[in-house]
């Protein structure tokens, strides 16, 4: 029986959160506003601003284009792809933004004991979830997995302690899809801060950061989606208020395949080389940094609810888990997330 790919929608192209009332950033209550929309990093962005001061849309676009040129894995000439082709055991100078992303990625990798790993791309490709769709009649065998894992492991990337330079100890392939969008959100947010814009919401591919209030003088409202693979009926599990925070959601319910009655998630455990087997459908993380929230959400998706919850409690991370229970879902959340549920809506 040939493998059947189901709902091959990449996570970056289909946000797992829903922006509630985003169009509220208009002229309500005599408060001027600005709405910016576009496409970048293989996905869309939406930016809502409030206040007297605005920002040139071309300035934001130029920033996003520069970040994409640095960090995308879909352009052979990107800085990241050039780094992937660079010689081993040689210090390679990189741009400051790329170095900052790699630095945070390594920090989250150590914190999660390898659950988050930007070198996992060969395994993702092996299981048919990479840029090229694959069809096969059986899962990859143990020998193929073991061969790929020879060049997987975040510890094979060394970062220079005093300058933006990196060294590869093995022929690793770096993929920043689990952190780059969050970093781009942070960069745009910092740009808005520098322009004196105190009320905004930035969303890129579902990763979010907000500041201040919306046009109704209330915190921005974000809906956490029910993990339904259908693209027709999208509904909210929770609606939370978000101000001065970043938010990211990771889930496997739109990118998986079924083979001989077994479901294979696109979330690959870097330590086993195989798709995760737990019942965690989605996890949402709130953090001051959208990049950190982005990477942690991916890490928790690998760890599963039990191990993820332990880490969230140990590190006081605000995390919200939705777990499959037959045809329905149960929710759980860390102590740090509880404060964000005050005044939330549960549709």
C-alpha atoms as a PDB file:
ATOM      1  CA  UNK A   1       0.000   0.000   0.000  1.00  0.00           C
ATOM      2  CA  UNK A   2       1.478   3.270  -1.087  1.00  0.00           C
ATOM      3  CA  UNK A   3       1.996   5.940   1.508  1.00  0.00           C
ATOM      4  CA  UNK A   4      -0.787   8.499   1.433  1.00  0.00           C
ATOM      5  CA  UNK A   5       0.205  12.021   2.304  1.00  0.00           C
ATOM      6  CA  UNK A   6      -2.582  13.741   4.208  1.00  0.00           C
ATOM      7  CA  UNK A   7      -2.949  17.499   4.405  1.00  0.00           C
ATOM      8  CA  UNK A   8       0.562  18.374   3.313  1.00  0.00           C
ATOM      9  CA  UNK A   9       0.324  21.943   4.558  1.00  0.00           C
ATOM     10  CA  UNK A  10       3.604  23.213   5.960  1.00  0.00           C
ATOM     11  CA  UNK A  11       3.349  24.717   9.405  1.00  0.00           C
ATOM     12  CA  UNK A  12       4.817  28.042   8.307  1.00  0.00           C
ATOM     13  CA  UNK A  13       2.098  28.406   5.665  1.00  0.00           C
ATOM     14  CA  UNK A  14      -0.848  27.677   7.960  1.00  0.00           C
ATOM     15  CA  UNK A  15      -0.852  29.386  11.341  1.00  0.00           C
ATOM     16  CA  UNK A  16      -2.064  27.298  14.274  1.00  0.00           C
ATOM     17  CA  UNK A  17      -3.453  30.328  16.067  1.00  0.00           C
ATOM     18  CA  UNK A  18      -6.191  32.689  14.981  1.00  0.00           C
ATOM     19  CA  UNK A  19      -6.024  36.445  15.312  1.00  0.00           C
ATOM     20  CA  UNK A  20      -9.283  37.706  16.765  1.00  0.00           C
ATOM     21  CA  UNK A  21     -10.531  41.056  15.544  1.00  0.00           C
ATOM     22  CA  UNK A  22      -7.222  41.958  13.885  1.00  0.00           C
ATOM     23  CA  UNK A  23      -9.012  44.488  11.700  1.00  0.00           C
ATOM     24  CA  UNK A  24      -9.804  46.481  14.837  1.00  0.00           C
ATOM     25  CA  UNK A  25      -6.659  48.469  14.163  1.00  0.00           C
ATOM     26  CA  UNK A  26      -8.474  51.204  12.263  1.00  0.00           C
ATOM     27  CA  UNK A  27      -9.909  54.605  13.040  1.00  0.00           C
ATOM     28  CA  UNK A  28     -12.031  53.482  16.000  1.00  0.00           C
ATOM     29  CA  UNK A  29     -12.309  55.865  18.910  1.00  0.00           C
ATOM     30  CA  UNK A  30     -10.420  58.545  16.978  1.00  0.00           C
ATOM     31  CA  UNK A  31      -7.284  56.424  17.286  1.00  0.00           C
ATOM     32  CA  UNK A  32      -5.355  56.354  13.994  1.00  0.00           C
ATOM     33  CA  UNK A  33      -4.117  52.965  12.885  1.00  0.00           C
ATOM     34  CA  UNK A  34      -2.204  51.178  10.184  1.00  0.00           C
ATOM     35  CA  UNK A  35      -2.521  47.647   8.805  1.00  0.00           C
ATOM     36  CA  UNK A  36       0.393  46.076   6.920  1.00  0.00           C
ATOM     37  CA  UNK A  37       0.166  42.716   5.146  1.00  0.00           C
ATOM     38  CA  UNK A  38       2.441  40.729   2.886  1.00  0.00           C
ATOM     39  CA  UNK A  39       4.286  37.490   2.274  1.00  0.00           C
ATOM     40  CA  UNK A  40       7.738  36.444   3.418  1.00  0.00           C
ATOM     41  CA  UNK A  41       9.593  33.291   4.505  1.00  0.00           C
ATOM     42  CA  UNK A  42       7.111  31.150   2.601  1.00  0.00           C
ATOM     43  CA  UNK A  43       4.195  32.474   4.631  1.00  0.00           C
ATOM     44  CA  UNK A  44       2.192  35.615   5.342  1.00  0.00           C
ATOM     45  CA  UNK A  45       2.589  38.452   7.785  1.00  0.00           C
ATOM     46  CA  UNK A  46       0.070  40.838   9.316  1.00  0.00           C
ATOM     47  CA  UNK A  47       1.051  43.872  11.365  1.00  0.00           C
ATOM     48  CA  UNK A  48      -1.420  46.122  13.167  1.00  0.00           C
ATOM     49  CA  UNK A  49      -0.273  49.487  14.532  1.00  0.00           C
ATOM     50  CA  UNK A  50      -1.997  52.128  16.629  1.00  0.00           C
ATOM     51  CA  UNK A  51      -0.961  55.664  17.368  1.00  0.00           C
ATOM     52  CA  UNK A  52       0.006  58.926  15.739  1.00  0.00           C
ATOM     53  CA  UNK A  53       3.321  57.619  14.458  1.00  0.00           C
ATOM     54  CA  UNK A  54       3.503  55.124  11.644  1.00  0.00           C
ATOM     55  CA  UNK A  55       6.235  53.309   9.813  1.00  0.00           C
ATOM     56  CA  UNK A  56       7.003  52.918   6.149  1.00  0.00           C
ATOM     57  CA  UNK A  57       5.805  49.552   4.845  1.00  0.00           C
ATOM     58  CA  UNK A  58       8.868  49.344   2.610  1.00  0.00           C
ATOM     59  CA  UNK A  59      11.112  49.542   5.682  1.00  0.00           C
ATOM     60  CA  UNK A  60       9.416  46.542   7.232  1.00  0.00           C
ATOM     61  CA  UNK A  61       9.468  44.657   3.948  1.00  0.00           C
ATOM     62  CA  UNK A  62      13.187  45.335   3.493  1.00  0.00           C
ATOM     63  CA  UNK A  63      13.907  44.011   6.988  1.00  0.00           C
ATOM     64  CA  UNK A  64      11.940  40.835   6.365  1.00  0.00           C
ATOM     65  CA  UNK A  65      13.567  40.285   2.984  1.00  0.00           C
ATOM     66  CA  UNK A  66      17.020  40.621   4.565  1.00  0.00           C
ATOM     67  CA  UNK A  67      16.138  38.110   7.288  1.00  0.00           C
ATOM     68  CA  UNK A  68      14.743  35.699   4.722  1.00  0.00           C
ATOM     69  CA  UNK A  69      17.899  35.988   2.629  1.00  0.00           C
ATOM     70  CA  UNK A  70      19.921  35.112   5.707  1.00  0.00           C
ATOM     71  CA  UNK A  71      17.902  32.268   7.235  1.00  0.00           C
ATOM     72  CA  UNK A  72      15.785  30.514   4.632  1.00  0.00           C
ATOM     73  CA  UNK A  73      16.521  26.962   3.540  1.00  0.00           C
ATOM     74  CA  UNK A  74      14.534  27.413   0.310  1.00  0.00           C
ATOM     75  CA  UNK A  75      17.173  29.554  -1.433  1.00  0.00           C
ATOM     76  CA  UNK A  76      20.516  28.092  -2.424  1.00  0.00           C
ATOM     77  CA  UNK A  77      22.149  31.509  -2.100  1.00  0.00           C
ATOM     78  CA  UNK A  78      20.944  32.242   1.430  1.00  0.00           C
ATOM     79  CA  UNK A  79      23.498  32.737   4.170  1.00  0.00           C
ATOM     80  CA  UNK A  80      22.209  29.640   5.947  1.00  0.00           C
ATOM     81  CA  UNK A  81      22.578  27.436   2.866  1.00  0.00           C
ATOM     82  CA  UNK A  82      26.089  28.733   2.287  1.00  0.00           C
ATOM     83  CA  UNK A  83      26.903  27.830   5.873  1.00  0.00           C
ATOM     84  CA  UNK A  84      25.510  24.350   5.274  1.00  0.00           C
ATOM     85  CA  UNK A  85      27.966  23.982   2.394  1.00  0.00           C
ATOM     86  CA  UNK A  86      30.943  25.413   4.289  1.00  0.00           C
ATOM     87  CA  UNK A  87      34.014  23.377   5.179  1.00  0.00           C
ATOM     88  CA  UNK A  88      34.176  21.433   8.431  1.00  0.00           C
ATOM     89  CA  UNK A  89      36.354  22.328  11.414  1.00  0.00           C
ATOM     90  CA  UNK A  90      36.799  25.895  10.191  1.00  0.00           C
ATOM     91  CA  UNK A  91      35.483  29.039  11.849  1.00  0.00           C
ATOM     92  CA  UNK A  92      32.952  30.678   9.521  1.00  0.00           C
ATOM     93  CA  UNK A  93      31.981  34.287  10.126  1.00  0.00           C
ATOM     94  CA  UNK A  94      28.224  34.889   9.990  1.00  0.00           C
ATOM     95  CA  UNK A  95      25.947  37.910  10.258  1.00  0.00           C
ATOM     96  CA  UNK A  96      24.875  39.098  13.688  1.00  0.00           C
ATOM     97  CA  UNK A  97      21.188  38.148  13.170  1.00  0.00           C
ATOM     98  CA  UNK A  98      22.091  34.618  12.104  1.00  0.00           C
ATOM     99  CA  UNK A  99      24.497  34.259  15.018  1.00  0.00           C
ATOM    100  CA  UNK A 100      21.822  35.444  17.459  1.00  0.00           C
ATOM    101  CA  UNK A 101      19.379  32.838  16.148  1.00  0.00           C
ATOM    102  CA  UNK A 102      21.990  30.082  16.375  1.00  0.00           C
ATOM    103  CA  UNK A 103      22.910  31.175  19.896  1.00  0.00           C
ATOM    104  CA  UNK A 104      19.292  30.977  21.070  1.00  0.00           C
ATOM    105  CA  UNK A 105      18.752  27.696  19.228  1.00  0.00           C
ATOM    106  CA  UNK A 106      21.691  26.106  21.022  1.00  0.00           C
ATOM    107  CA  UNK A 107      20.429  27.438  24.357  1.00  0.00           C
ATOM    108  CA  UNK A 108      16.992  25.856  23.820  1.00  0.00           C
ATOM    109  CA  UNK A 109      18.645  22.632  22.631  1.00  0.00           C
ATOM    110  CA  UNK A 110      20.629  22.352  25.853  1.00  0.00           C
ATOM    111  CA  UNK A 111      17.623  23.308  27.964  1.00  0.00           C
ATOM    112  CA  UNK A 112      15.463  20.634  26.308  1.00  0.00           C
ATOM    113  CA  UNK A 113      18.293  18.066  26.254  1.00  0.00           C
ATOM    114  CA  UNK A 114      18.192  17.868  22.486  1.00  0.00           C
ATOM    115  CA  UNK A 115      14.421  17.834  21.910  1.00  0.00           C
ATOM    116  CA  UNK A 116      14.879  21.046  19.937  1.00  0.00           C
ATOM    117  CA  UNK A 117      17.647  20.563  17.396  1.00  0.00           C
ATOM    118  CA  UNK A 118      18.246  22.651  14.275  1.00  0.00           C
ATOM    119  CA  UNK A 119      20.321  19.835  12.737  1.00  0.00           C
ATOM    120  CA  UNK A 120      17.346  17.453  12.421  1.00  0.00           C
ATOM    121  CA  UNK A 121      16.686  18.284   8.734  1.00  0.00           C
ATOM    122  CA  UNK A 122      18.160  15.031   7.279  1.00  0.00           C
ATOM    123  CA  UNK A 123      15.715  13.004   9.363  1.00  0.00           C
ATOM    124  CA  UNK A 124      12.804  15.250   8.409  1.00  0.00           C
ATOM    125  CA  UNK A 125      13.696  14.733   4.752  1.00  0.00           C
ATOM    126  CA  UNK A 126      14.105  10.973   5.231  1.00  0.00           C
ATOM    127  CA  UNK A 127      10.562  10.702   6.564  1.00  0.00           C
ATOM    128  CA  UNK A 128       9.165  12.659   3.617  1.00  0.00           C
ATOM    129  CA  UNK A 129       8.430  15.944   5.382  1.00  0.00           C
ATOM    130  CA  UNK A 130      11.118  18.033   3.696  1.00  0.00           C
ATOM    131  CA  UNK A 131      10.795  20.377   0.713  1.00  0.00           C
ATOM    132  CA  UNK A 132      10.490  17.404  -1.670  1.00  0.00           C
ATOM    133  CA  UNK A 133       7.392  15.237  -1.243  1.00  0.00           C
ATOM    134  CA  UNK A 134       8.306  11.553  -1.133  1.00  0.00           C
ATOM    135  CA  UNK A 135       6.180   8.474  -1.721  1.00  0.00           C
ATOM    136  CA  UNK A 136       7.100   5.028  -0.444  1.00  0.00           C
ATOM    137  CA  UNK A 137       5.365   1.852   0.661  1.00  0.00           C
ATOM    138  CA  UNK A 138       7.105   1.385   4.019  1.00  0.00           C
ATOM    139  CA  UNK A 139       8.690   3.617   6.671  1.00  0.00           C
ATOM    140  CA  UNK A 140      12.460   4.175   6.574  1.00  0.00           C
ATOM    141  CA  UNK A 141      14.342   1.191   8.000  1.00  0.00           C
ATOM    142  CA  UNK A 142      16.611   1.293  11.041  1.00  0.00           C
ATOM    143  CA  UNK A 143      19.789   1.295   8.948  1.00  0.00           C
ATOM    144  CA  UNK A 144      18.650   4.343   6.977  1.00  0.00           C
ATOM    145  CA  UNK A 145      17.729   6.163  10.167  1.00  0.00           C
ATOM    146  CA  UNK A 146      21.046   5.304  11.827  1.00  0.00           C
ATOM    147  CA  UNK A 147      22.963   6.522   8.773  1.00  0.00           C
ATOM    148  CA  UNK A 148      21.167   9.859   8.811  1.00  0.00           C
ATOM    149  CA  UNK A 149      21.689  10.294  12.543  1.00  0.00           C
ATOM    150  CA  UNK A 150      25.458  10.285  12.060  1.00  0.00           C
ATOM    151  CA  UNK A 151      25.148  13.907  10.974  1.00  0.00           C
ATOM    152  CA  UNK A 152      22.464  15.001  13.434  1.00  0.00           C
ATOM    153  CA  UNK A 153      23.198  16.614  16.784  1.00  0.00           C
ATOM    154  CA  UNK A 154      23.282  20.223  17.937  1.00  0.00           C
ATOM    155  CA  UNK A 155      26.514  19.561  19.830  1.00  0.00           C
ATOM    156  CA  UNK A 156      28.279  19.289  16.452  1.00  0.00           C
ATOM    157  CA  UNK A 157      27.855  23.057  15.964  1.00  0.00           C
ATOM    158  CA  UNK A 158      30.246  25.266  17.922  1.00  0.00           C
ATOM    159  CA  UNK A 159      29.714  28.998  18.433  1.00  0.00           C
ATOM    160  CA  UNK A 160      32.667  31.315  18.911  1.00  0.00           C
ATOM    161  CA  UNK A 161      32.700  32.868  22.406  1.00  0.00           C
ATOM    162  CA  UNK A 162      33.716  36.377  21.342  1.00  0.00           C
ATOM    163  CA  UNK A 163      32.709  36.950  17.721  1.00  0.00           C
ATOM    164  CA  UNK A 164      29.881  35.978  15.369  1.00  0.00           C
ATOM    165  CA  UNK A 165      31.465  32.855  13.943  1.00  0.00           C
ATOM    166  CA  UNK A 166      30.546  29.164  13.939  1.00  0.00           C
ATOM    167  CA  UNK A 167      32.326  25.876  13.380  1.00  0.00           C
ATOM    168  CA  UNK A 168      30.813  22.610  12.161  1.00  0.00           C
ATOM    169  CA  UNK A 169      32.409  19.458  13.524  1.00  0.00           C
ATOM    170  CA  UNK A 170      30.336  17.140  11.315  1.00  0.00           C
ATOM    171  CA  UNK A 171      28.528  17.496   8.014  1.00  0.00           C
ATOM    172  CA  UNK A 172      25.369  18.838   9.619  1.00  0.00           C
ATOM    173  CA  UNK A 173      22.487  20.562   7.834  1.00  0.00           C
ATOM    174  CA  UNK A 174      20.958  23.481   9.699  1.00  0.00           C
ATOM    175  CA  UNK A 175      17.249  24.277   9.398  1.00  0.00           C
ATOM    176  CA  UNK A 176      15.833  27.277  11.263  1.00  0.00           C
ATOM    177  CA  UNK A 177      12.147  26.756  10.473  1.00  0.00           C
ATOM    178  CA  UNK A 178      11.416  26.220  14.176  1.00  0.00           C
ATOM    179  CA  UNK A 179      12.819  29.564  15.289  1.00  0.00           C
ATOM    180  CA  UNK A 180      13.403  31.985  12.390  1.00  0.00           C
ATOM    181  CA  UNK A 181       9.818  33.240  12.075  1.00  0.00           C
ATOM    182  CA  UNK A 182       9.725  34.010  15.787  1.00  0.00           C
ATOM    183  CA  UNK A 183      13.027  35.847  15.488  1.00  0.00           C
ATOM    184  CA  UNK A 184      11.678  37.866  12.556  1.00  0.00           C
ATOM    185  CA  UNK A 185       8.649  38.814  14.662  1.00  0.00           C
ATOM    186  CA  UNK A 186      10.990  40.043  17.405  1.00  0.00           C
ATOM    187  CA  UNK A 187      13.041  42.052  14.936  1.00  0.00           C
ATOM    188  CA  UNK A 188       9.978  43.825  13.570  1.00  0.00           C
ATOM    189  CA  UNK A 189       8.706  44.445  17.103  1.00  0.00           C
ATOM    190  CA  UNK A 190      12.025  46.033  18.064  1.00  0.00           C
ATOM    191  CA  UNK A 191      11.861  48.189  14.949  1.00  0.00           C
ATOM    192  CA  UNK A 192       8.408  49.392  15.979  1.00  0.00           C
ATOM    193  CA  UNK A 193       9.667  50.081  19.498  1.00  0.00           C
ATOM    194  CA  UNK A 194      12.472  52.185  18.045  1.00  0.00           C
ATOM    195  CA  UNK A 195       9.887  54.204  16.112  1.00  0.00           C
ATOM    196  CA  UNK A 196       8.015  54.934  19.326  1.00  0.00           C
ATOM    197  CA  UNK A 197       5.017  52.785  18.426  1.00  0.00           C
ATOM    198  CA  UNK A 198       3.577  51.533  21.710  1.00  0.00           C
ATOM    199  CA  UNK A 199       0.500  49.653  20.513  1.00  0.00           C
ATOM    200  CA  UNK A 200       0.947  46.928  17.910  1.00  0.00           C
ATOM    201  CA  UNK A 201       0.560  43.280  17.028  1.00  0.00           C
ATOM    202  CA  UNK A 202       3.033  41.503  14.732  1.00  0.00           C
ATOM    203  CA  UNK A 203       2.203  38.090  13.282  1.00  0.00           C
ATOM    204  CA  UNK A 204       4.365  36.053  10.894  1.00  0.00           C
ATOM    205  CA  UNK A 205       3.176  32.579   9.999  1.00  0.00           C
ATOM    206  CA  UNK A 206       1.325  32.262  13.294  1.00  0.00           C
ATOM    207  CA  UNK A 207       4.147  33.480  15.531  1.00  0.00           C
ATOM    208  CA  UNK A 208       3.055  36.606  17.384  1.00  0.00           C
ATOM    209  CA  UNK A 209       4.286  39.453  19.509  1.00  0.00           C
ATOM    210  CA  UNK A 210       2.173  42.281  20.824  1.00  0.00           C
ATOM    211  CA  UNK A 211       2.586  45.466  22.794  1.00  0.00           C
ATOM    212  CA  UNK A 212       0.127  47.788  24.462  1.00  0.00           C
ATOM    213  CA  UNK A 213      -3.547  47.777  23.537  1.00  0.00           C
ATOM    214  CA  UNK A 214      -5.781  47.429  20.506  1.00  0.00           C
ATOM    215  CA  UNK A 215      -8.149  50.070  19.150  1.00  0.00           C
ATOM    216  CA  UNK A 216     -10.693  49.256  21.859  1.00  0.00           C
ATOM    217  CA  UNK A 217      -8.113  50.096  24.543  1.00  0.00           C
ATOM    218  CA  UNK A 218      -8.011  46.401  25.495  1.00  0.00           C
ATOM    219  CA  UNK A 219      -5.282  43.771  25.268  1.00  0.00           C
ATOM    220  CA  UNK A 220      -4.920  42.043  21.918  1.00  0.00           C
ATOM    221  CA  UNK A 221      -7.050  38.876  21.689  1.00  0.00           C
ATOM    222  CA  UNK A 222      -5.567  35.663  20.304  1.00  0.00           C
ATOM    223  CA  UNK A 223      -7.467  32.430  19.721  1.00  0.00           C
ATOM    224  CA  UNK A 224      -5.716  29.097  20.254  1.00  0.00           C
ATOM    225  CA  UNK A 225      -7.116  26.787  17.611  1.00  0.00           C
ATOM    226  CA  UNK A 226      -8.756  23.424  18.249  1.00  0.00           C
ATOM    227  CA  UNK A 227      -6.359  20.843  16.708  1.00  0.00           C
ATOM    228  CA  UNK A 228      -8.585  19.908  13.762  1.00  0.00           C
ATOM    229  CA  UNK A 229      -6.939  18.799  10.531  1.00  0.00           C
ATOM    230  CA  UNK A 230      -9.837  20.270   8.542  1.00  0.00           C
ATOM    231  CA  UNK A 231      -9.138  23.572   6.830  1.00  0.00           C
ATOM    232  CA  UNK A 232     -12.868  24.266   6.480  1.00  0.00           C
ATOM    233  CA  UNK A 233     -14.008  24.408  10.098  1.00  0.00           C
ATOM    234  CA  UNK A 234     -11.430  26.334  12.125  1.00  0.00           C
ATOM    235  CA  UNK A 235     -12.546  27.117  15.645  1.00  0.00           C
ATOM    236  CA  UNK A 236     -11.030  28.312  18.894  1.00  0.00           C
ATOM    237  CA  UNK A 237     -10.267  26.251  21.977  1.00  0.00           C
ATOM    238  CA  UNK A 238      -9.312  29.326  24.020  1.00  0.00           C
ATOM    239  CA  UNK A 239      -9.192  33.052  23.429  1.00  0.00           C
ATOM    240  CA  UNK A 240      -6.525  34.756  25.493  1.00  0.00           C
ATOM    241  CA  UNK A 241      -5.417  38.339  25.952  1.00  0.00           C
ATOM    242  CA  UNK A 242      -1.847  39.119  25.025  1.00  0.00           C
ATOM    243  CA  UNK A 243       0.161  42.262  25.746  1.00  0.00           C
ATOM    244  CA  UNK A 244       3.929  42.791  25.787  1.00  0.00           C
ATOM    245  CA  UNK A 245       4.550  39.114  25.071  1.00  0.00           C
ATOM    246  CA  UNK A 246       5.413  36.728  22.267  1.00  0.00           C
ATOM    247  CA  UNK A 247       3.351  33.637  21.453  1.00  0.00           C
ATOM    248  CA  UNK A 248       3.894  30.557  19.310  1.00  0.00           C
ATOM    249  CA  UNK A 249       1.935  27.363  18.726  1.00  0.00           C
ATOM    250  CA  UNK A 250       3.306  24.091  17.399  1.00  0.00           C
ATOM    251  CA  UNK A 251       1.118  21.185  16.321  1.00  0.00           C
ATOM    252  CA  UNK A 252       1.183  18.099  14.131  1.00  0.00           C
ATOM    253  CA  UNK A 253      -2.438  17.976  13.048  1.00  0.00           C
ATOM    254  CA  UNK A 254      -1.911  19.459   9.584  1.00  0.00           C
ATOM    255  CA  UNK A 255       1.302  17.740   8.562  1.00  0.00           C
ATOM    256  CA  UNK A 256       1.338  13.966   8.852  1.00  0.00           C
ATOM    257  CA  UNK A 257       0.844  10.826   6.837  1.00  0.00           C
ATOM    258  CA  UNK A 258      -0.905   7.519   7.400  1.00  0.00           C
ATOM    259  CA  UNK A 259       0.497   4.175   6.305  1.00  0.00           C
ATOM    260  CA  UNK A 260      -1.203   0.834   6.908  1.00  0.00           C
ATOM    261  CA  UNK A 261      -3.407   2.396   9.566  1.00  0.00           C
ATOM    262  CA  UNK A 262      -0.569   4.056  11.504  1.00  0.00           C
ATOM    263  CA  UNK A 263      -0.216   7.805  11.843  1.00  0.00           C
ATOM    264  CA  UNK A 264       3.221   9.394  11.388  1.00  0.00           C
ATOM    265  CA  UNK A 265       3.714  12.930  12.668  1.00  0.00           C
ATOM    266  CA  UNK A 266       5.987  15.452  10.983  1.00  0.00           C
ATOM    267  CA  UNK A 267       7.474  16.120  14.438  1.00  0.00           C
ATOM    268  CA  UNK A 268      10.687  14.081  14.471  1.00  0.00           C
ATOM    269  CA  UNK A 269      12.472  13.220  17.699  1.00  0.00           C
ATOM    270  CA  UNK A 270      16.142  14.042  16.990  1.00  0.00           C
ATOM    271  CA  UNK A 271      17.292  11.436  19.518  1.00  0.00           C
ATOM    272  CA  UNK A 272      15.328   8.485  18.145  1.00  0.00           C
ATOM    273  CA  UNK A 273      15.261   9.578  14.522  1.00  0.00           C
ATOM    274  CA  UNK A 274      11.554   8.750  14.331  1.00  0.00           C
ATOM    275  CA  UNK A 275       8.242  10.619  14.471  1.00  0.00           C
ATOM    276  CA  UNK A 276       6.967  11.196  17.982  1.00  0.00           C
ATOM    277  CA  UNK A 277       4.412   8.674  19.276  1.00  0.00           C
ATOM    278  CA  UNK A 278       2.696  10.611  22.071  1.00  0.00           C
ATOM    279  CA  UNK A 279      -0.799  12.109  21.944  1.00  0.00           C
ATOM    280  CA  UNK A 280       0.122  15.784  22.230  1.00  0.00           C
ATOM    281  CA  UNK A 281      -1.728  17.558  19.415  1.00  0.00           C
ATOM    282  CA  UNK A 282      -0.553  21.132  19.969  1.00  0.00           C
ATOM    283  CA  UNK A 283       1.320  23.272  22.443  1.00  0.00           C
ATOM    284  CA  UNK A 284       1.249  27.042  22.846  1.00  0.00           C
ATOM    285  CA  UNK A 285       4.040  28.940  24.583  1.00  0.00           C
ATOM    286  CA  UNK A 286       4.017  32.551  25.775  1.00  0.00           C
ATOM    287  CA  UNK A 287       7.329  34.314  26.354  1.00  0.00           C
ATOM    288  CA  UNK A 288       8.707  37.869  26.162  1.00  0.00           C
ATOM    289  CA  UNK A 289      10.545  36.702  23.028  1.00  0.00           C
ATOM    290  CA  UNK A 290       8.624  35.255  20.080  1.00  0.00           C
ATOM    291  CA  UNK A 291      11.773  33.422  18.979  1.00  0.00           C
ATOM    292  CA  UNK A 292      12.050  31.740  22.360  1.00  0.00           C
ATOM    293  CA  UNK A 293       8.354  30.863  22.310  1.00  0.00           C
ATOM    294  CA  UNK A 294       8.771  29.455  18.797  1.00  0.00           C
ATOM    295  CA  UNK A 295      11.680  27.175  19.723  1.00  0.00           C
ATOM    296  CA  UNK A 296      10.176  26.077  23.039  1.00  0.00           C
ATOM    297  CA  UNK A 297       6.873  25.147  21.376  1.00  0.00           C
ATOM    298  CA  UNK A 298       8.808  22.900  19.008  1.00  0.00           C
ATOM    299  CA  UNK A 299      10.763  21.378  21.904  1.00  0.00           C
ATOM    300  CA  UNK A 300       7.580  20.618  23.846  1.00  0.00           C
ATOM    301  CA  UNK A 301       6.040  19.055  20.736  1.00  0.00           C
ATOM    302  CA  UNK A 302       8.928  16.584  20.717  1.00  0.00           C
ATOM    303  CA  UNK A 303       8.911  15.971  24.474  1.00  0.00           C
ATOM    304  CA  UNK A 304       5.178  15.356  24.784  1.00  0.00           C
ATOM    305  CA  UNK A 305       2.848  16.522  27.511  1.00  0.00           C
ATOM    306  CA  UNK A 306       4.414  14.799  30.552  1.00  0.00           C
ATOM    307  CA  UNK A 307       8.067  15.643  29.911  1.00  0.00           C
ATOM    308  CA  UNK A 308       7.102  19.010  28.441  1.00  0.00           C
ATOM    309  CA  UNK A 309       5.076  19.933  31.497  1.00  0.00           C
ATOM    310  CA  UNK A 310       7.941  18.973  33.818  1.00  0.00           C
ATOM    311  CA  UNK A 311      10.329  21.217  31.902  1.00  0.00           C
ATOM    312  CA  UNK A 312       7.798  24.059  31.796  1.00  0.00           C
ATOM    313  CA  UNK A 313       7.306  23.887  35.567  1.00  0.00           C
ATOM    314  CA  UNK A 314      11.044  23.619  36.274  1.00  0.00           C
ATOM    315  CA  UNK A 315      11.816  26.653  34.110  1.00  0.00           C
ATOM    316  CA  UNK A 316       8.609  28.596  34.860  1.00  0.00           C
ATOM    317  CA  UNK A 317       7.624  28.626  31.205  1.00  0.00           C
ATOM    318  CA  UNK A 318       4.061  29.530  30.224  1.00  0.00           C
ATOM    319  CA  UNK A 319       2.903  26.508  28.214  1.00  0.00           C
ATOM    320  CA  UNK A 320      -0.557  25.264  27.216  1.00  0.00           C
ATOM    321  CA  UNK A 321      -1.047  21.671  25.993  1.00  0.00           C
ATOM    322  CA  UNK A 322      -3.901  20.103  24.013  1.00  0.00           C
ATOM    323  CA  UNK A 323      -3.833  16.300  24.109  1.00  0.00           C
ATOM    324  CA  UNK A 324      -5.819  13.821  22.001  1.00  0.00           C
ATOM    325  CA  UNK A 325      -8.338  11.700  23.851  1.00  0.00           C
ATOM    326  CA  UNK A 326     -10.128   9.707  21.188  1.00  0.00           C
ATOM    327  CA  UNK A 327     -12.190  12.146  19.165  1.00  0.00           C
ATOM    328  CA  UNK A 328     -11.791  15.011  21.624  1.00  0.00           C
ATOM    329  CA  UNK A 329      -9.008  16.916  23.359  1.00  0.00           C
ATOM    330  CA  UNK A 330      -8.061  17.630  26.938  1.00  0.00           C
ATOM    331  CA  UNK A 331      -6.177  20.723  28.033  1.00  0.00           C
ATOM    332  CA  UNK A 332      -3.482  21.252  30.622  1.00  0.00           C
ATOM    333  CA  UNK A 333      -1.194  24.156  31.321  1.00  0.00           C
ATOM    334  CA  UNK A 334       1.779  25.135  33.428  1.00  0.00           C
ATOM    335  CA  UNK A 335       1.559  27.336  36.500  1.00  0.00           C
ATOM    336  CA  UNK A 336       3.147  30.202  34.570  1.00  0.00           C
ATOM    337  CA  UNK A 337       0.422  29.982  31.916  1.00  0.00           C
ATOM    338  CA  UNK A 338      -2.394  30.187  34.459  1.00  0.00           C
ATOM    339  CA  UNK A 339      -2.097  33.962  34.801  1.00  0.00           C
ATOM    340  CA  UNK A 340      -2.817  34.377  31.078  1.00  0.00           C
ATOM    341  CA  UNK A 341      -6.115  32.534  31.476  1.00  0.00           C
ATOM    342  CA  UNK A 342      -7.588  35.224  33.702  1.00  0.00           C
ATOM    343  CA  UNK A 343     -10.451  36.727  31.760  1.00  0.00           C
ATOM    344  CA  UNK A 344     -10.048  34.317  28.865  1.00  0.00           C
ATOM    345  CA  UNK A 345     -12.892  33.071  26.773  1.00  0.00           C
ATOM    346  CA  UNK A 346     -13.493  29.324  26.351  1.00  0.00           C
ATOM    347  CA  UNK A 347     -15.837  29.087  23.341  1.00  0.00           C
END
